[in-house]
Amino acid sequence: MATTHDPGHEQAAAQVVDAFVSLADESRRRADTAIPSDDDLARAVTAAVRLYADRAEQTGQHPAPLTPDATATDAIVAVAEMMRFADLNAFDVNMWLSRRA
């Protein structure tokens, strides 16, 4: 599928990401800041995961899905919970991991 490069759309998307990251960072740092509900957090993570997966499928590229400040603990907590939610086991995941080898 051919895509067109729209600098205005790209800038708007970057602004939305910047706003979300700022709010998330503030929420993690300060106990008196409102944190998102479980449902809102699930919606945000779902949107990010689906965007990443769609982009990877469309482009065949798999850029780093996390920034360098994410820890191994951050990654495994999220991955383990996503595996539980999707009813995946280590065998299922290994099949997907070997797909890119």
Protein backbone atom coordinates (compact mmCIF):
# COMPACT_ATOMS: atom_id res chain seq x y z
CA MET A 1 0.00 0.00 0.00
CA ALA A 2 1.41 3.37 -1.01
CA THR A 3 1.39 6.09 1.57
CA THR A 4 1.79 9.79 1.12
CA HIS A 5 3.99 11.89 3.33
CA ASP A 6 1.95 14.59 5.03
CA PRO A 7 4.20 16.85 7.14
CA GLY A 8 1.18 18.48 8.81
CA HIS A 9 -0.21 15.12 9.90
CA GLU A 10 3.24 14.00 11.05
CA GLN A 11 3.61 17.17 13.14
CA ALA A 12 0.15 16.75 14.68
CA ALA A 13 0.92 13.12 15.55
CA ALA A 14 4.21 14.17 17.18
CA GLN A 15 2.36 16.79 19.26
CA VAL A 16 -0.17 14.20 20.46
CA VAL A 17 2.63 11.79 21.40
CA ASP A 18 4.53 14.57 23.20
CA ALA A 19 1.43 15.52 25.19
CA PHE A 20 0.72 11.91 26.17
CA VAL A 21 4.34 11.24 27.18
CA SER A 22 4.43 14.43 29.27
CA LEU A 23 1.21 13.50 31.07
CA ALA A 24 2.38 9.92 31.64
CA ASP A 25 5.75 11.04 32.98
CA GLU A 26 4.06 13.55 35.30
CA SER A 27 1.64 10.89 36.52
CA ARG A 28 4.50 8.51 37.35
CA ARG A 29 6.55 11.21 39.14
CA ARG A 30 3.88 12.83 41.29
CA ALA A 31 1.51 11.03 43.63
CA ASP A 32 -0.90 13.97 43.61
CA THR A 33 -1.36 13.88 39.82
CA ALA A 34 -4.40 12.11 38.45
CA ILE A 35 -3.53 8.76 36.92
CA PRO A 36 -5.51 7.28 34.05
CA SER A 37 -8.19 4.72 34.83
CA ASP A 38 -7.51 1.08 34.00
CA ASP A 39 -9.77 1.41 30.95
CA ASP A 40 -8.09 4.59 29.69
CA LEU A 41 -4.64 3.07 30.15
CA ALA A 42 -5.72 -0.08 28.30
CA ARG A 43 -7.08 2.06 25.44
CA ALA A 44 -3.79 4.00 25.20
CA VAL A 45 -1.62 0.87 25.27
CA THR A 46 -3.90 -0.89 22.77
CA ALA A 47 -3.70 2.05 20.38
CA ALA A 48 0.10 2.16 20.64
CA VAL A 49 0.50 -1.61 20.19
CA ARG A 50 -1.88 -1.72 17.23
CA LEU A 51 -0.14 1.26 15.59
CA TYR A 52 3.24 -0.43 16.02
CA ALA A 53 1.98 -3.78 14.67
CA ASP A 54 0.20 -2.21 11.69
CA ARG A 55 3.26 -0.13 10.79
CA ALA A 56 5.56 -3.15 11.09
CA GLU A 57 3.28 -5.26 8.90
CA GLN A 58 2.94 -2.50 6.28
CA THR A 59 6.62 -1.55 6.10
CA GLY A 60 8.36 -4.80 7.03
CA GLN A 61 10.44 -2.76 9.48
CA HIS A 62 10.56 -3.36 13.22
CA PRO A 63 12.07 -0.28 14.89
CA ALA A 64 12.80 -0.34 18.60
CA PRO A 65 9.38 -0.34 20.30
CA LEU A 66 10.72 1.25 23.50
CA THR A 67 13.04 4.12 24.30
CA PRO A 68 16.38 3.46 26.00
CA ASP A 69 15.04 4.64 29.36
CA ALA A 70 12.61 1.67 29.53
CA THR A 71 14.03 -1.06 31.74
CA ALA A 72 13.95 -4.81 31.27
CA THR A 73 11.47 -4.90 34.16
CA ASP A 74 9.21 -2.39 32.38
CA ALA A 75 9.26 -4.54 29.25
CA ILE A 76 8.66 -7.91 30.90
CA VAL A 77 5.85 -6.63 33.14
CA ALA A 78 4.00 -5.33 30.08
CA VAL A 79 4.83 -8.35 27.88
CA ALA A 80 3.81 -10.88 30.55
CA GLU A 81 0.47 -9.15 31.10
CA MET A 82 -0.15 -8.91 27.34
CA MET A 83 0.59 -12.63 27.03
CA ARG A 84 -1.90 -13.41 29.81
CA PHE A 85 -4.54 -11.19 28.23
CA ALA A 86 -4.11 -12.72 24.77
CA ASP A 87 -3.89 -16.25 26.23
CA LEU A 88 -0.43 -16.78 24.73
CA ASN A 89 2.18 -19.17 26.06
CA ALA A 90 5.95 -19.29 25.56
CA PHE A 91 5.55 -21.72 22.63
CA ASP A 92 3.22 -19.29 20.82
CA VAL A 93 5.61 -16.41 21.38
CA ASN A 94 8.61 -18.47 20.23
CA MET A 95 6.84 -19.16 16.92
CA TRP A 96 6.47 -15.39 16.37
CA LEU A 97 10.02 -14.71 17.45
CA SER A 98 11.37 -17.20 14.89
CA ARG A 99 9.30 -15.51 12.19
CA ARG A 100 11.85 -12.67 11.85
CA ALA A 101 14.97 -14.83 12.14
